């Protein structure tokens, strides 16, 4: 992939913005133990990625920004963000695929938010069960964050988690599309 100097500068700028958002907002949300921190961070990432895609509409640009963001987070935050590093890259790849094949339209940005939310959910489950040794049922109860599903069947808990991630992803996708429409090039949206 050939990248012009102007495009590389924009990628670096958006990567720096994304890493700063990840470190400051993500760190604050972890500090206050906000239950939807992953979904909120995906929403901010989605806004940055779609703004970048408006300016450089090529496959791989979003993934590059996500991987560079993850690398910056590893350098600047070290072990405190270790388990989130690969998740950022995978979420960026998922968003990149959906927006590349779906175009920069409202529906595809909303779908990208939902898909990234599901990828993050899968990453959370992997982190908890494999790296931290948490029992799968306990992990699902932790991820559900809703007391009314605790102790019910695994399928109900899993369904609530997936539905919640899809709804939040769609909502942030709508916000990202509106921000891009407001700040981006109107002729491309």
N, C-alpha and C. Protein backbone atom coordinates (compact mmCIF):
# COMPACT_ATOMS: atom_id res chain seq x y z
N UNK A 1 0.86 -1.17 0.00
CA UNK A 1 0.00 0.00 0.00
C UNK A 1 0.91 1.24 0.00
N UNK A 2 0.73 2.11 -0.98
CA UNK A 2 1.50 3.35 -1.02
C UNK A 2 0.75 4.42 -0.26
N UNK A 3 1.47 5.06 0.63
CA UNK A 3 0.87 6.12 1.44
C UNK A 3 1.66 7.40 1.19
N UNK A 4 0.94 8.45 0.85
CA UNK A 4 1.57 9.75 0.62
C UNK A 4 1.94 10.37 1.97
N UNK A 5 2.83 11.33 1.92
CA UNK A 5 3.27 12.01 3.14
C UNK A 5 2.11 12.69 3.85
N UNK A 6 1.22 13.31 3.09
CA UNK A 6 0.06 13.98 3.67
C UNK A 6 -0.84 12.97 4.38
N UNK A 7 -1.02 11.79 3.78
CA UNK A 7 -1.85 10.75 4.39
C UNK A 7 -1.18 10.18 5.64
N UNK A 8 0.13 9.99 5.57
CA UNK A 8 0.85 9.47 6.73
C UNK A 8 0.78 10.45 7.90
N UNK A 9 0.83 11.73 7.59
CA UNK A 9 0.70 12.75 8.63
C UNK A 9 -0.68 12.68 9.27
N UNK A 10 -1.72 12.53 8.46
CA UNK A 10 -3.08 12.43 8.98
C UNK A 10 -3.26 11.16 9.81
N UNK A 11 -2.69 10.06 9.35
CA UNK A 11 -2.77 8.80 10.12
C UNK A 11 -2.08 8.98 11.47
N UNK A 12 -0.91 9.61 11.47
CA UNK A 12 -0.19 9.83 12.73
C UNK A 12 -0.98 10.73 13.67
N UNK A 13 -1.59 11.77 13.12
CA UNK A 13 -2.39 12.69 13.93
C UNK A 13 -3.59 11.99 14.54
N UNK A 14 -4.31 11.23 13.74
CA UNK A 14 -5.51 10.53 14.24
C UNK A 14 -5.11 9.42 15.21
N UNK A 15 -3.96 8.78 14.98
CA UNK A 15 -3.48 7.76 15.91
C UNK A 15 -3.14 8.38 17.26
N UNK A 16 -2.50 9.54 17.21
CA UNK A 16 -2.17 10.24 18.46
C UNK A 16 -3.43 10.64 19.20
N UNK A 17 -4.42 11.15 18.46
CA UNK A 17 -5.71 11.51 19.10
C UNK A 17 -6.38 10.28 19.71
N UNK A 18 -6.38 9.19 18.97
CA UNK A 18 -7.00 7.96 19.45
C UNK A 18 -6.29 7.41 20.68
N UNK A 19 -4.96 7.44 20.66
CA UNK A 19 -4.19 6.95 21.81
C UNK A 19 -4.43 7.84 23.03
N UNK A 20 -4.51 9.13 22.81
CA UNK A 20 -4.78 10.05 23.91
C UNK A 20 -6.17 9.80 24.52
N UNK A 21 -7.14 9.60 23.66
CA UNK A 21 -8.50 9.28 24.14
C UNK A 21 -8.48 7.97 24.92
N UNK A 22 -7.80 6.96 24.37
CA UNK A 22 -7.71 5.66 25.05
C UNK A 22 -7.08 5.80 26.43
N UNK A 23 -5.99 6.57 26.51
CA UNK A 23 -5.28 6.69 27.78
C UNK A 23 -6.03 7.55 28.79
N UNK A 24 -6.53 8.70 28.35
CA UNK A 24 -7.18 9.61 29.30
C UNK A 24 -8.60 9.16 29.65
N UNK A 25 -9.44 9.03 28.64
CA UNK A 25 -10.83 8.66 28.91
C UNK A 25 -10.92 7.21 29.41
N UNK A 26 -10.19 6.31 28.75
CA UNK A 26 -10.19 4.91 29.18
C UNK A 26 -9.65 4.74 30.60
N UNK A 27 -8.57 5.46 30.89
CA UNK A 27 -8.01 5.41 32.24
C UNK A 27 -8.98 5.94 33.28
N UNK A 28 -9.67 7.03 32.94
CA UNK A 28 -10.66 7.59 33.87
C UNK A 28 -11.83 6.63 34.08
N UNK A 29 -12.32 6.04 33.00
CA UNK A 29 -13.44 5.11 33.13
C UNK A 29 -13.05 3.87 33.93
N UNK A 30 -11.80 3.43 33.79
CA UNK A 30 -11.33 2.31 34.61
C UNK A 30 -11.21 2.73 36.07
N UNK A 31 -10.76 3.96 36.28
CA UNK A 31 -10.59 4.46 37.64
C UNK A 31 -11.91 4.51 38.41
N UNK A 32 -12.96 4.97 37.74
CA UNK A 32 -14.26 5.06 38.40
C UNK A 32 -15.06 3.77 38.29
N UNK A 33 -14.46 2.75 37.63
CA UNK A 33 -15.08 1.44 37.45
C UNK A 33 -16.43 1.55 36.74
N UNK A 34 -16.45 2.31 35.66
CA UNK A 34 -17.65 2.49 34.84
C UNK A 34 -17.96 1.18 34.12
N UNK A 35 -19.19 0.74 34.18
CA UNK A 35 -19.52 -0.59 33.68
C UNK A 35 -19.49 -0.70 32.16
N UNK A 36 -19.63 0.40 31.44
CA UNK A 36 -19.65 0.34 29.97
C UNK A 36 -18.38 0.92 29.36
N UNK A 37 -17.26 0.82 30.04
CA UNK A 37 -16.04 1.47 29.57
C UNK A 37 -15.60 0.96 28.20
N UNK A 38 -15.70 -0.32 27.95
CA UNK A 38 -15.31 -0.87 26.65
C UNK A 38 -16.18 -0.36 25.53
N UNK A 39 -17.47 -0.30 25.76
CA UNK A 39 -18.39 0.19 24.74
C UNK A 39 -18.17 1.67 24.45
N UNK A 40 -17.92 2.45 25.49
CA UNK A 40 -17.66 3.88 25.30
C UNK A 40 -16.36 4.08 24.52
N UNK A 41 -15.35 3.31 24.85
CA UNK A 41 -14.08 3.45 24.13
C UNK A 41 -14.23 3.04 22.67
N UNK A 42 -15.00 2.02 22.39
CA UNK A 42 -15.26 1.64 21.00
C UNK A 42 -15.96 2.78 20.27
N UNK A 43 -16.89 3.44 20.96
CA UNK A 43 -17.58 4.57 20.35
C UNK A 43 -16.63 5.69 19.97
N UNK A 44 -15.71 6.05 20.88
CA UNK A 44 -14.72 7.08 20.56
C UNK A 44 -13.79 6.63 19.44
N UNK A 45 -13.36 5.37 19.50
CA UNK A 45 -12.51 4.84 18.43
C UNK A 45 -13.22 4.88 17.09
N UNK A 46 -14.49 4.53 17.08
CA UNK A 46 -15.27 4.53 15.85
C UNK A 46 -15.35 5.92 15.24
N UNK A 47 -15.49 6.93 16.08
CA UNK A 47 -15.52 8.31 15.59
C UNK A 47 -14.19 8.66 14.93
N UNK A 48 -13.09 8.35 15.60
CA UNK A 48 -11.76 8.64 15.04
C UNK A 48 -11.55 7.87 13.74
N UNK A 49 -11.90 6.60 13.72
CA UNK A 49 -11.67 5.78 12.53
C UNK A 49 -12.51 6.25 11.34
N UNK A 50 -13.76 6.61 11.58
CA UNK A 50 -14.59 7.06 10.46
C UNK A 50 -14.12 8.41 9.94
N UNK A 51 -13.68 9.29 10.83
CA UNK A 51 -13.11 10.57 10.38
C UNK A 51 -11.87 10.32 9.52
N UNK A 52 -11.06 9.37 9.91
CA UNK A 52 -9.88 9.03 9.13
C UNK A 52 -10.28 8.44 7.78
N UNK A 53 -11.27 7.59 7.76
CA UNK A 53 -11.71 6.95 6.52
C UNK A 53 -12.34 7.95 5.56
N UNK A 54 -12.96 9.00 6.10
CA UNK A 54 -13.51 10.05 5.23
C UNK A 54 -12.39 10.67 4.40
N UNK A 55 -11.25 10.90 5.03
CA UNK A 55 -10.12 11.55 4.36
C UNK A 55 -9.27 10.59 3.53
N UNK A 56 -9.15 9.34 4.00
CA UNK A 56 -8.35 8.34 3.28
C UNK A 56 -9.20 7.08 3.12
N UNK A 57 -10.05 7.02 2.11
CA UNK A 57 -10.99 5.88 1.98
C UNK A 57 -10.37 4.65 1.34
N UNK A 58 -9.43 4.02 2.06
CA UNK A 58 -8.79 2.80 1.58
C UNK A 58 -8.77 1.76 2.69
N UNK A 59 -8.89 0.50 2.26
CA UNK A 59 -8.85 -0.59 3.23
C UNK A 59 -7.46 -0.66 3.85
N UNK A 60 -7.42 -0.87 5.15
CA UNK A 60 -6.18 -1.02 5.87
C UNK A 60 -5.78 0.22 6.66
N UNK A 61 -6.34 1.36 6.31
CA UNK A 61 -5.99 2.61 6.99
C UNK A 61 -6.50 2.58 8.43
N UNK A 62 -7.73 2.12 8.63
CA UNK A 62 -8.31 2.04 9.97
C UNK A 62 -7.54 1.02 10.81
N UNK A 63 -7.23 -0.12 10.21
CA UNK A 63 -6.48 -1.14 10.92
C UNK A 63 -5.10 -0.63 11.32
N UNK A 64 -4.46 0.11 10.41
CA UNK A 64 -3.15 0.68 10.71
C UNK A 64 -3.25 1.65 11.89
N UNK A 65 -4.27 2.48 11.89
CA UNK A 65 -4.47 3.42 13.00
C UNK A 65 -4.71 2.68 14.31
N UNK A 66 -5.50 1.62 14.27
CA UNK A 66 -5.79 0.84 15.47
C UNK A 66 -4.56 0.13 16.01
N UNK A 67 -3.77 -0.46 15.13
CA UNK A 67 -2.57 -1.17 15.58
C UNK A 67 -1.55 -0.17 16.14
N UNK A 68 -1.42 0.97 15.48
CA UNK A 68 -0.49 2.00 15.99
C UNK A 68 -0.98 2.56 17.33
N UNK A 69 -2.28 2.71 17.48
CA UNK A 69 -2.85 3.14 18.75
C UNK A 69 -2.53 2.13 19.84
N UNK A 70 -2.70 0.85 19.53
CA UNK A 70 -2.40 -0.20 20.50
C UNK A 70 -0.92 -0.17 20.88
N UNK A 71 -0.05 0.04 19.88
CA UNK A 71 1.39 0.10 20.15
C UNK A 71 1.73 1.30 21.05
N UNK A 72 1.13 2.45 20.76
CA UNK A 72 1.34 3.63 21.59
C UNK A 72 0.85 3.39 23.02
N UNK A 73 -0.29 2.75 23.15
CA UNK A 73 -0.82 2.45 24.48
C UNK A 73 0.12 1.52 25.24
N UNK A 74 0.69 0.56 24.54
CA UNK A 74 1.62 -0.35 25.19
C UNK A 74 2.87 0.41 25.66
N UNK A 75 3.37 1.31 24.81
CA UNK A 75 4.55 2.09 25.17
C UNK A 75 4.28 3.05 26.33
N UNK A 76 3.11 3.70 26.30
CA UNK A 76 2.84 4.75 27.28
C UNK A 76 2.20 4.23 28.57
N UNK A 77 1.39 3.19 28.47
CA UNK A 77 0.69 2.69 29.66
C UNK A 77 1.27 1.38 30.15
N UNK A 78 1.99 0.68 29.29
CA UNK A 78 2.64 -0.56 29.71
C UNK A 78 1.68 -1.63 30.13
N UNK A 79 1.98 -2.25 31.24
CA UNK A 79 1.21 -3.40 31.73
C UNK A 79 -0.21 -3.08 32.12
N UNK A 80 -0.50 -1.82 32.41
CA UNK A 80 -1.86 -1.51 32.85
C UNK A 80 -2.88 -1.67 31.73
N UNK A 81 -2.43 -1.65 30.48
CA UNK A 81 -3.33 -1.81 29.35
C UNK A 81 -3.02 -3.09 28.56
N UNK A 82 -2.27 -4.00 29.15
CA UNK A 82 -1.77 -5.16 28.42
C UNK A 82 -2.89 -5.96 27.76
N UNK A 83 -3.95 -6.25 28.48
CA UNK A 83 -5.01 -7.10 27.93
C UNK A 83 -5.88 -6.39 26.91
N UNK A 84 -5.81 -5.08 26.85
CA UNK A 84 -6.60 -4.34 25.86
C UNK A 84 -5.86 -4.13 24.55
N UNK A 85 -4.56 -4.41 24.52
CA UNK A 85 -3.74 -4.09 23.35
C UNK A 85 -4.22 -4.84 22.10
N UNK A 86 -4.35 -6.15 22.16
CA UNK A 86 -4.76 -6.88 20.97
C UNK A 86 -6.21 -6.60 20.62
N UNK A 87 -7.03 -6.26 21.63
CA UNK A 87 -8.44 -5.95 21.37
C UNK A 87 -8.58 -4.72 20.50
N UNK A 88 -7.77 -3.70 20.74
CA UNK A 88 -7.86 -2.47 19.95
C UNK A 88 -7.57 -2.76 18.48
N UNK A 89 -6.56 -3.58 18.22
CA UNK A 89 -6.24 -3.94 16.84
C UNK A 89 -7.33 -4.75 16.18
N UNK A 90 -7.91 -5.71 16.90
CA UNK A 90 -8.99 -6.53 16.33
C UNK A 90 -10.26 -5.71 16.08
N UNK A 91 -10.58 -4.80 17.00
CA UNK A 91 -11.75 -3.93 16.81
C UNK A 91 -11.55 -3.04 15.59
N UNK A 92 -10.34 -2.53 15.42
CA UNK A 92 -10.04 -1.68 14.25
C UNK A 92 -10.17 -2.48 12.96
N UNK A 93 -9.70 -3.71 12.97
CA UNK A 93 -9.82 -4.56 11.78
C UNK A 93 -11.29 -4.83 11.46
N UNK A 94 -12.08 -5.11 12.48
CA UNK A 94 -13.51 -5.36 12.26
C UNK A 94 -14.20 -4.12 11.68
N UNK A 95 -13.91 -2.96 12.23
CA UNK A 95 -14.49 -1.70 11.72
C UNK A 95 -14.03 -1.46 10.30
N UNK A 96 -12.74 -1.70 10.04
CA UNK A 96 -12.18 -1.49 8.71
C UNK A 96 -12.88 -2.37 7.68
N UNK A 97 -13.08 -3.64 8.01
CA UNK A 97 -13.75 -4.56 7.08
C UNK A 97 -15.18 -4.12 6.77
N UNK A 98 -15.93 -3.79 7.82
CA UNK A 98 -17.33 -3.42 7.61
C UNK A 98 -17.45 -2.13 6.81
N UNK A 99 -16.66 -1.12 7.15
CA UNK A 99 -16.75 0.16 6.44
C UNK A 99 -16.19 0.04 5.03
N UNK A 100 -15.16 -0.76 4.84
CA UNK A 100 -14.61 -0.94 3.50
C UNK A 100 -15.63 -1.58 2.56
N UNK A 101 -16.26 -2.66 3.03
CA UNK A 101 -17.21 -3.36 2.16
C UNK A 101 -18.59 -2.70 2.15
N UNK A 102 -18.97 -2.02 3.21
CA UNK A 102 -20.28 -1.38 3.27
C UNK A 102 -20.29 0.07 2.83
N UNK A 103 -19.11 0.66 2.70
CA UNK A 103 -19.04 2.07 2.34
C UNK A 103 -19.27 2.94 3.57
N UNK A 104 -19.04 4.20 3.40
CA UNK A 104 -19.19 5.12 4.51
C UNK A 104 -20.63 5.65 4.52
N UNK A 105 -21.54 4.77 4.86
CA UNK A 105 -22.95 5.11 4.97
C UNK A 105 -23.40 4.92 6.41
N UNK A 106 -24.52 5.51 6.75
CA UNK A 106 -25.03 5.43 8.12
C UNK A 106 -25.16 3.98 8.58
N UNK A 107 -25.78 3.14 7.77
CA UNK A 107 -26.00 1.75 8.16
C UNK A 107 -24.69 1.00 8.37
N UNK A 108 -23.73 1.19 7.49
CA UNK A 108 -22.47 0.45 7.64
C UNK A 108 -21.68 0.93 8.86
N UNK A 109 -21.73 2.22 9.17
CA UNK A 109 -21.04 2.71 10.37
C UNK A 109 -21.73 2.17 11.62
N UNK A 110 -23.05 2.08 11.61
CA UNK A 110 -23.77 1.51 12.76
C UNK A 110 -23.46 0.01 12.91
N UNK A 111 -23.42 -0.70 11.79
CA UNK A 111 -23.06 -2.12 11.82
C UNK A 111 -21.62 -2.30 12.31
N UNK A 112 -20.73 -1.41 11.86
CA UNK A 112 -19.33 -1.47 12.30
C UNK A 112 -19.24 -1.30 13.82
N UNK A 113 -20.04 -0.39 14.38
CA UNK A 113 -20.06 -0.21 15.83
C UNK A 113 -20.55 -1.46 16.55
N UNK A 114 -21.60 -2.09 16.00
CA UNK A 114 -22.13 -3.31 16.62
C UNK A 114 -21.13 -4.45 16.52
N UNK A 115 -20.50 -4.62 15.36
CA UNK A 115 -19.53 -5.70 15.18
C UNK A 115 -18.32 -5.48 16.09
N UNK A 116 -17.85 -4.24 16.19
CA UNK A 116 -16.72 -3.95 17.08
C UNK A 116 -17.09 -4.23 18.54
N UNK A 117 -18.33 -3.94 18.91
CA UNK A 117 -18.79 -4.25 20.26
C UNK A 117 -18.78 -5.74 20.54
N UNK A 118 -19.17 -6.53 19.54
CA UNK A 118 -19.16 -7.99 19.71
C UNK A 118 -17.73 -8.53 19.77
N UNK A 119 -16.83 -7.94 18.96
CA UNK A 119 -15.42 -8.34 19.01
C UNK A 119 -14.85 -8.02 20.40
N UNK A 120 -15.18 -6.85 20.92
CA UNK A 120 -14.71 -6.47 22.26
C UNK A 120 -15.26 -7.41 23.33
N UNK A 121 -16.50 -7.82 23.15
CA UNK A 121 -17.13 -8.76 24.09
C UNK A 121 -16.38 -10.10 24.06
N UNK A 122 -16.05 -10.55 22.89
CA UNK A 122 -15.30 -11.79 22.75
C UNK A 122 -13.91 -11.65 23.37
N UNK A 123 -13.28 -10.51 23.15
CA UNK A 123 -11.95 -10.26 23.75
C UNK A 123 -12.04 -10.25 25.28
N UNK A 124 -13.09 -9.64 25.82
CA UNK A 124 -13.28 -9.62 27.27
C UNK A 124 -13.44 -11.03 27.82
N UNK A 125 -14.20 -11.84 27.11
CA UNK A 125 -14.39 -13.23 27.54
C UNK A 125 -13.07 -14.00 27.50
N UNK A 126 -12.30 -13.80 26.45
CA UNK A 126 -11.00 -14.47 26.33
C UNK A 126 -10.06 -14.02 27.44
N UNK A 127 -10.01 -12.71 27.66
CA UNK A 127 -9.15 -12.18 28.73
C UNK A 127 -9.51 -12.78 30.09
N UNK A 128 -10.81 -12.81 30.37
CA UNK A 128 -11.24 -13.31 31.67
C UNK A 128 -11.04 -14.80 31.85
N UNK A 129 -11.42 -15.58 30.85
CA UNK A 129 -11.38 -17.03 31.00
C UNK A 129 -9.99 -17.60 30.81
N UNK A 130 -9.25 -17.12 29.83
CA UNK A 130 -7.94 -17.72 29.54
C UNK A 130 -6.83 -17.09 30.38
N UNK A 131 -6.74 -15.75 30.34
CA UNK A 131 -5.62 -15.09 31.00
C UNK A 131 -5.81 -14.94 32.51
N UNK A 132 -7.06 -14.79 32.96
CA UNK A 132 -7.29 -14.59 34.39
C UNK A 132 -7.87 -15.82 35.08
N UNK A 133 -8.22 -16.85 34.31
CA UNK A 133 -8.69 -18.10 34.88
C UNK A 133 -10.07 -18.06 35.51
N UNK A 134 -10.92 -17.16 35.06
CA UNK A 134 -12.28 -17.05 35.61
C UNK A 134 -13.16 -18.10 34.97
N UNK A 135 -14.01 -18.71 35.75
CA UNK A 135 -14.97 -19.69 35.27
C UNK A 135 -15.87 -19.05 34.21
N UNK A 136 -16.20 -19.76 33.11
CA UNK A 136 -17.02 -19.17 32.04
C UNK A 136 -18.36 -18.61 32.51
N UNK A 137 -19.04 -19.30 33.42
CA UNK A 137 -20.33 -18.81 33.92
C UNK A 137 -20.14 -17.53 34.73
N UNK A 138 -19.11 -17.52 35.59
CA UNK A 138 -18.81 -16.30 36.35
C UNK A 138 -18.44 -15.15 35.41
N UNK A 139 -17.71 -15.49 34.35
CA UNK A 139 -17.32 -14.45 33.39
C UNK A 139 -18.55 -13.87 32.71
N UNK A 140 -19.48 -14.70 32.32
CA UNK A 140 -20.72 -14.20 31.69
C UNK A 140 -21.51 -13.33 32.66
N UNK A 141 -21.61 -13.74 33.92
CA UNK A 141 -22.32 -12.93 34.91
C UNK A 141 -21.64 -11.57 35.11
N UNK A 142 -20.32 -11.55 35.10
CA UNK A 142 -19.60 -10.28 35.23
C UNK A 142 -19.83 -9.40 34.01
N UNK A 143 -19.82 -10.01 32.84
CA UNK A 143 -19.98 -9.24 31.61
C UNK A 143 -21.40 -8.72 31.44
N UNK A 144 -22.38 -9.42 31.98
CA UNK A 144 -23.78 -9.02 31.81
C UNK A 144 -24.04 -7.68 32.49
N UNK A 145 -23.50 -7.47 33.65
CA UNK A 145 -23.64 -6.21 34.40
C UNK A 145 -25.10 -5.88 34.74
N UNK A 146 -25.97 -6.81 34.56
CA UNK A 146 -27.38 -6.61 34.90
C UNK A 146 -27.75 -7.62 35.98
N UNK A 147 -28.25 -7.14 37.09
CA UNK A 147 -28.56 -8.04 38.20
C UNK A 147 -29.77 -8.94 37.88
N UNK A 148 -30.64 -8.50 36.98
CA UNK A 148 -31.83 -9.31 36.72
C UNK A 148 -31.54 -10.58 35.93
N UNK A 149 -30.35 -10.70 35.31
CA UNK A 149 -30.03 -11.92 34.59
C UNK A 149 -29.10 -12.85 35.38
N UNK A 150 -28.55 -12.36 36.47
CA UNK A 150 -27.63 -13.17 37.26
C UNK A 150 -28.33 -14.42 37.77
N UNK A 151 -27.70 -15.55 37.59
CA UNK A 151 -28.24 -16.81 38.06
C UNK A 151 -29.20 -17.48 37.09
N UNK A 152 -29.52 -16.84 35.98
CA UNK A 152 -30.41 -17.45 34.98
C UNK A 152 -29.59 -18.33 34.04
N UNK A 153 -30.23 -18.82 33.01
CA UNK A 153 -29.55 -19.72 32.07
C UNK A 153 -28.43 -18.98 31.33
N UNK A 154 -27.47 -19.75 30.89
CA UNK A 154 -26.33 -19.19 30.16
C UNK A 154 -26.81 -18.51 28.88
N UNK A 155 -27.81 -19.08 28.25
CA UNK A 155 -28.29 -18.52 26.98
C UNK A 155 -28.96 -17.17 27.19
N UNK A 156 -29.68 -17.01 28.28
CA UNK A 156 -30.30 -15.71 28.57
C UNK A 156 -29.22 -14.66 28.85
N UNK A 157 -28.24 -15.03 29.65
CA UNK A 157 -27.15 -14.10 29.96
C UNK A 157 -26.40 -13.72 28.69
N UNK A 158 -26.07 -14.72 27.88
CA UNK A 158 -25.35 -14.48 26.63
C UNK A 158 -26.18 -13.62 25.68
N UNK A 159 -27.48 -13.90 25.61
CA UNK A 159 -28.37 -13.11 24.76
C UNK A 159 -28.44 -11.66 25.19
N UNK A 160 -28.51 -11.41 26.49
CA UNK A 160 -28.56 -10.04 27.00
C UNK A 160 -27.25 -9.31 26.68
N UNK A 161 -26.13 -10.01 26.87
CA UNK A 161 -24.82 -9.40 26.59
C UNK A 161 -24.72 -9.02 25.11
N UNK A 162 -25.04 -9.96 24.24
CA UNK A 162 -24.94 -9.71 22.79
C UNK A 162 -25.90 -8.61 22.37
N UNK A 163 -27.13 -8.66 22.83
CA UNK A 163 -28.11 -7.63 22.48
C UNK A 163 -27.67 -6.25 22.96
N UNK A 164 -27.17 -6.18 24.18
CA UNK A 164 -26.71 -4.91 24.74
C UNK A 164 -25.55 -4.35 23.93
N UNK A 165 -24.57 -5.19 23.57
CA UNK A 165 -23.42 -4.74 22.78
C UNK A 165 -23.86 -4.25 21.40
N UNK A 166 -24.83 -4.92 20.81
CA UNK A 166 -25.32 -4.51 19.49
C UNK A 166 -26.04 -3.16 19.59
N UNK A 167 -26.88 -2.99 20.58
CA UNK A 167 -27.62 -1.73 20.76
C UNK A 167 -26.66 -0.57 21.00
N UNK A 168 -25.70 -0.76 21.89
CA UNK A 168 -24.73 0.31 22.19
C UNK A 168 -23.87 0.60 20.96
N UNK A 169 -23.46 -0.43 20.24
CA UNK A 169 -22.66 -0.24 19.02
C UNK A 169 -23.42 0.53 17.96
N UNK A 170 -24.70 0.23 17.79
CA UNK A 170 -25.53 0.96 16.82
C UNK A 170 -25.67 2.41 17.24
N UNK A 171 -25.89 2.66 18.53
CA UNK A 171 -26.03 4.04 19.02
C UNK A 171 -24.74 4.83 18.78
N UNK A 172 -23.59 4.24 19.10
CA UNK A 172 -22.33 4.93 18.86
C UNK A 172 -22.03 5.06 17.37
N UNK A 173 -22.49 4.11 16.57
CA UNK A 173 -22.35 4.23 15.12
C UNK A 173 -23.12 5.41 14.58
N UNK A 174 -24.30 5.63 15.11
CA UNK A 174 -25.10 6.80 14.72
C UNK A 174 -24.38 8.09 15.10
N UNK A 175 -23.83 8.13 16.31
CA UNK A 175 -23.08 9.31 16.76
C UNK A 175 -21.87 9.53 15.86
N UNK A 176 -21.13 8.46 15.57
CA UNK A 176 -19.94 8.57 14.72
C UNK A 176 -20.30 9.09 13.33
N UNK A 177 -21.41 8.61 12.77
CA UNK A 177 -21.82 9.07 11.45
C UNK A 177 -22.18 10.55 11.48
N UNK A 178 -22.88 10.97 12.52
CA UNK A 178 -23.25 12.39 12.62
C UNK A 178 -22.02 13.28 12.80
N UNK A 179 -21.05 12.83 13.59
CA UNK A 179 -19.82 13.60 13.77
C UNK A 179 -19.07 13.69 12.45
N UNK A 180 -19.00 12.59 11.72
CA UNK A 180 -18.31 12.60 10.43
C UNK A 180 -19.03 13.48 9.42
N UNK A 181 -20.33 13.46 9.45
CA UNK A 181 -21.09 14.30 8.55
C UNK A 181 -20.87 15.77 8.89
N UNK A 182 -20.76 16.08 10.18
CA UNK A 182 -20.55 17.46 10.62
C UNK A 182 -19.12 17.93 10.35
N UNK A 183 -18.13 17.08 10.64
CA UNK A 183 -16.74 17.48 10.52
C UNK A 183 -16.07 17.04 9.21
N UNK A 184 -16.64 16.01 8.57
CA UNK A 184 -16.01 15.47 7.37
C UNK A 184 -16.38 16.24 6.13
N UNK A 185 -15.97 15.65 5.02
CA UNK A 185 -16.31 16.23 3.72
C UNK A 185 -17.74 15.86 3.40
N UNK A 186 -18.60 16.84 3.24
CA UNK A 186 -20.01 16.57 2.98
C UNK A 186 -20.23 15.87 1.64
N UNK A 187 -19.36 16.08 0.67
CA UNK A 187 -19.56 15.48 -0.64
C UNK A 187 -19.34 13.97 -0.62
N UNK A 188 -18.70 13.45 0.41
CA UNK A 188 -18.47 12.00 0.49
C UNK A 188 -19.49 11.27 1.32
N UNK A 189 -20.35 11.98 2.06
CA UNK A 189 -21.32 11.30 2.92
C UNK A 189 -22.71 11.42 2.36
